[in-house]
Amino acid sequence: MLTLTQALYDEIVAHARQDHPDEACGVVAGPAGSGRPERFVPMLNAARSPTFYEFDSQDLLRLYREMDDRDEEPVIIYHSHTATEAYPSRTDISYANEPGAHYVLVSTADADGAGDFQFRSFRIVEGEVTEEQVEVVENR
C-alpha cells in the first residue's frame, strides 16, 4: 500500500493538471529504506508529448546525485496519462527500473472529456504490474 500526505497528493495532481495536455513526470524522494515519500521533485518531460514522458538525462543524474548526498531514494515515480486510464503502458513497464518504488499514474483525461480523473499506484517488478491501494493521510 502507498501512504502519502494530502499535500504530496495535491502537488502530484497539480503538476499533472498544469502540464496537461502533455504528460507530467516527477519523483517523490524519501529517506533511504523508510518507504516514506517526503520530498516532491517535479521534473521536466523532455519529450514534451501528450503520449510519452521522458526524464531529461542531466536532470535525472542531478537528482540521483542529490538523493545520494541526502541519503534518499525514489519512493514514488509518477507521471500522467492525458487521454487514457491511469494504467502502465508497455513503454512504462519497460522503463520501470526501480523495483522498490511506487509507480503512480494520474489520468487527466477528464480535462478533455476523454474519461474520469484517476490517481492509481502500482508496483512494477521485472515486468509484472501489481496495483496497490493508495491511502491519503493528513499532513504530518
Protein backbone atom coordinates (compact mmCIF):
# COMPACT_ATOMS: atom_id res chain seq x y z
CA MET A 1 0.00 0.00 0.00
CA LEU A 2 1.15 3.53 -0.77
CA THR A 3 0.61 6.03 2.03
CA LEU A 4 1.18 9.69 1.24
CA THR A 5 0.16 13.03 2.68
CA GLN A 6 -2.64 15.14 1.27
CA ALA A 7 -0.03 17.81 0.43
CA LEU A 8 2.02 15.39 -1.71
CA TYR A 9 -1.13 14.05 -3.38
CA ASP A 10 -2.20 17.62 -4.18
CA GLU A 11 1.25 18.53 -5.58
CA ILE A 12 1.32 15.49 -7.88
CA VAL A 13 -2.21 16.21 -9.15
CA ALA A 14 -1.47 19.92 -9.61
CA HIS A 15 1.66 19.12 -11.64
CA ALA A 16 -0.28 16.68 -13.83
CA ARG A 17 -3.01 19.25 -14.46
CA GLN A 18 -0.52 22.08 -15.05
CA ASP A 19 1.37 20.16 -17.76
CA HIS A 20 -1.80 18.87 -19.48
CA PRO A 21 -2.13 18.27 -22.43
CA ASP A 22 1.47 16.96 -22.17
CA GLU A 23 2.35 14.19 -19.76
CA ALA A 24 3.88 15.35 -16.48
CA CYS A 25 6.53 13.38 -14.60
CA GLY A 26 8.48 13.51 -11.39
CA VAL A 27 9.72 11.80 -8.26
CA VAL A 28 8.91 11.89 -4.58
CA ALA A 29 12.05 11.09 -2.62
CA GLY A 30 12.25 9.78 0.91
CA PRO A 31 14.82 8.62 3.46
CA ALA A 32 16.61 5.51 2.17
CA GLY A 33 14.99 2.33 3.43
CA SER A 34 12.00 4.10 5.01
CA GLY A 35 9.45 3.77 2.22
CA ARG A 36 8.17 7.24 3.27
CA PRO A 37 7.54 9.71 0.46
CA GLU A 38 8.58 13.16 1.67
CA ARG A 39 10.25 15.43 -0.89
CA PHE A 40 8.31 16.36 -4.03
CA VAL A 41 10.56 16.76 -7.09
CA PRO A 42 8.66 17.72 -10.25
CA MET A 43 10.68 17.01 -13.38
CA LEU A 44 10.55 18.30 -16.93
CA ASN A 45 9.10 15.95 -19.52
CA ALA A 46 11.95 16.20 -22.02
CA ALA A 47 9.71 14.59 -24.67
CA ARG A 48 7.08 17.33 -24.26
CA SER A 49 4.49 14.88 -25.51
CA PRO A 50 0.85 14.13 -24.70
CA THR A 51 1.52 10.39 -25.14
CA PHE A 52 5.01 9.82 -23.76
CA TYR A 53 7.23 11.04 -20.96
CA GLU A 54 10.99 11.06 -20.65
CA PHE A 55 13.12 12.40 -17.84
CA ASP A 56 15.89 14.72 -19.03
CA SER A 57 19.07 12.67 -18.55
CA GLN A 58 21.02 15.56 -16.98
CA ASP A 59 18.16 16.40 -14.59
CA LEU A 60 17.86 12.75 -13.62
CA LEU A 61 21.61 12.43 -12.99
CA ARG A 62 21.50 15.56 -10.79
CA LEU A 63 18.51 14.20 -8.88
CA TYR A 64 20.17 10.84 -8.20
CA ARG A 65 23.36 12.55 -7.01
CA GLU A 66 21.29 14.83 -4.77
CA MET A 67 19.33 11.88 -3.35
CA ASP A 68 22.59 10.03 -2.74
CA ASP A 69 24.03 13.06 -0.88
CA ARG A 70 20.85 13.28 1.24
CA ASP A 71 20.66 9.51 1.86
CA GLU A 72 17.36 9.35 -0.03
CA GLU A 73 15.81 7.10 -2.63
CA PRO A 74 12.93 7.44 -5.09
CA VAL A 75 9.84 6.31 -3.18
CA ILE A 76 7.33 7.41 -5.84
CA ILE A 77 7.93 7.80 -9.55
CA TYR A 78 4.92 9.46 -11.10
CA HIS A 79 3.63 10.54 -14.47
CA SER A 80 0.34 11.38 -16.07
CA HIS A 81 -1.70 9.96 -18.89
CA THR A 82 -3.62 12.66 -20.68
CA ALA A 83 -6.15 10.69 -22.75
CA THR A 84 -6.15 7.18 -21.30
CA GLU A 85 -6.71 5.46 -17.98
CA ALA A 86 -4.09 5.57 -15.26
CA TYR A 87 -2.55 2.16 -16.01
CA PRO A 88 1.06 1.47 -17.04
CA SER A 89 1.60 1.18 -20.79
CA ARG A 90 4.02 -1.33 -22.29
CA THR A 91 6.56 1.50 -22.53
CA ASP A 92 6.01 2.46 -18.87
CA ILE A 93 6.58 -1.15 -17.85
CA SER A 94 9.75 -1.47 -19.92
CA TYR A 95 11.20 1.71 -18.34
CA ALA A 96 10.34 0.73 -14.74
CA ASN A 97 13.77 0.06 -13.25
CA GLU A 98 13.22 0.88 -9.56
CA PRO A 99 11.73 -2.30 -8.04
CA GLY A 100 11.28 -0.65 -4.64
CA ALA A 101 9.37 2.36 -5.97
CA HIS A 102 5.66 3.02 -6.18
CA TYR A 103 4.71 3.94 -9.74
CA VAL A 104 1.90 6.49 -9.55
CA LEU A 105 -0.17 7.31 -12.59
CA VAL A 106 -2.58 10.22 -12.77
CA SER A 107 -5.07 10.37 -15.61
CA THR A 108 -6.03 13.89 -16.61
CA ALA A 109 -8.33 12.60 -19.36
CA ASP A 110 -11.23 14.35 -17.59
CA ALA A 111 -9.75 17.67 -18.69
CA ASP A 112 -10.63 16.77 -22.29
CA GLY A 113 -13.76 14.80 -21.56
CA ALA A 114 -11.96 11.58 -22.55
CA GLY A 115 -12.52 9.82 -19.22
CA ASP A 116 -12.57 10.09 -15.46
CA PHE A 117 -9.82 11.55 -13.27
CA GLN A 118 -7.78 8.74 -11.70
CA PHE A 119 -4.90 8.53 -9.22
CA ARG A 120 -3.52 4.98 -9.02
CA SER A 121 -0.37 3.32 -7.72
CA PHE A 122 1.44 0.21 -8.93
CA ARG A 123 4.46 -1.90 -8.16
CA ILE A 124 6.34 -2.92 -11.29
CA VAL A 125 8.95 -5.61 -10.77
CA GLU A 126 10.55 -7.48 -13.67
CA GLY A 127 7.69 -6.54 -15.97
CA GLU A 128 5.00 -7.68 -13.51
CA VAL A 129 2.43 -5.00 -12.68
CA THR A 130 0.53 -5.11 -9.38
CA GLU A 131 -1.94 -2.39 -8.40
CA GLU A 132 -1.89 -1.32 -4.77
CA GLN A 133 -4.17 0.69 -2.52
CA VAL A 134 -3.48 4.39 -2.01
CA GLU A 135 -4.06 5.93 1.41
CA VAL A 136 -4.01 9.72 1.67
CA VAL A 137 -3.38 10.93 5.22
CA GLU A 138 -3.43 14.34 6.87
CA ASN A 139 -0.21 16.31 6.58
CA ARG A 140 2.29 15.40 9.24
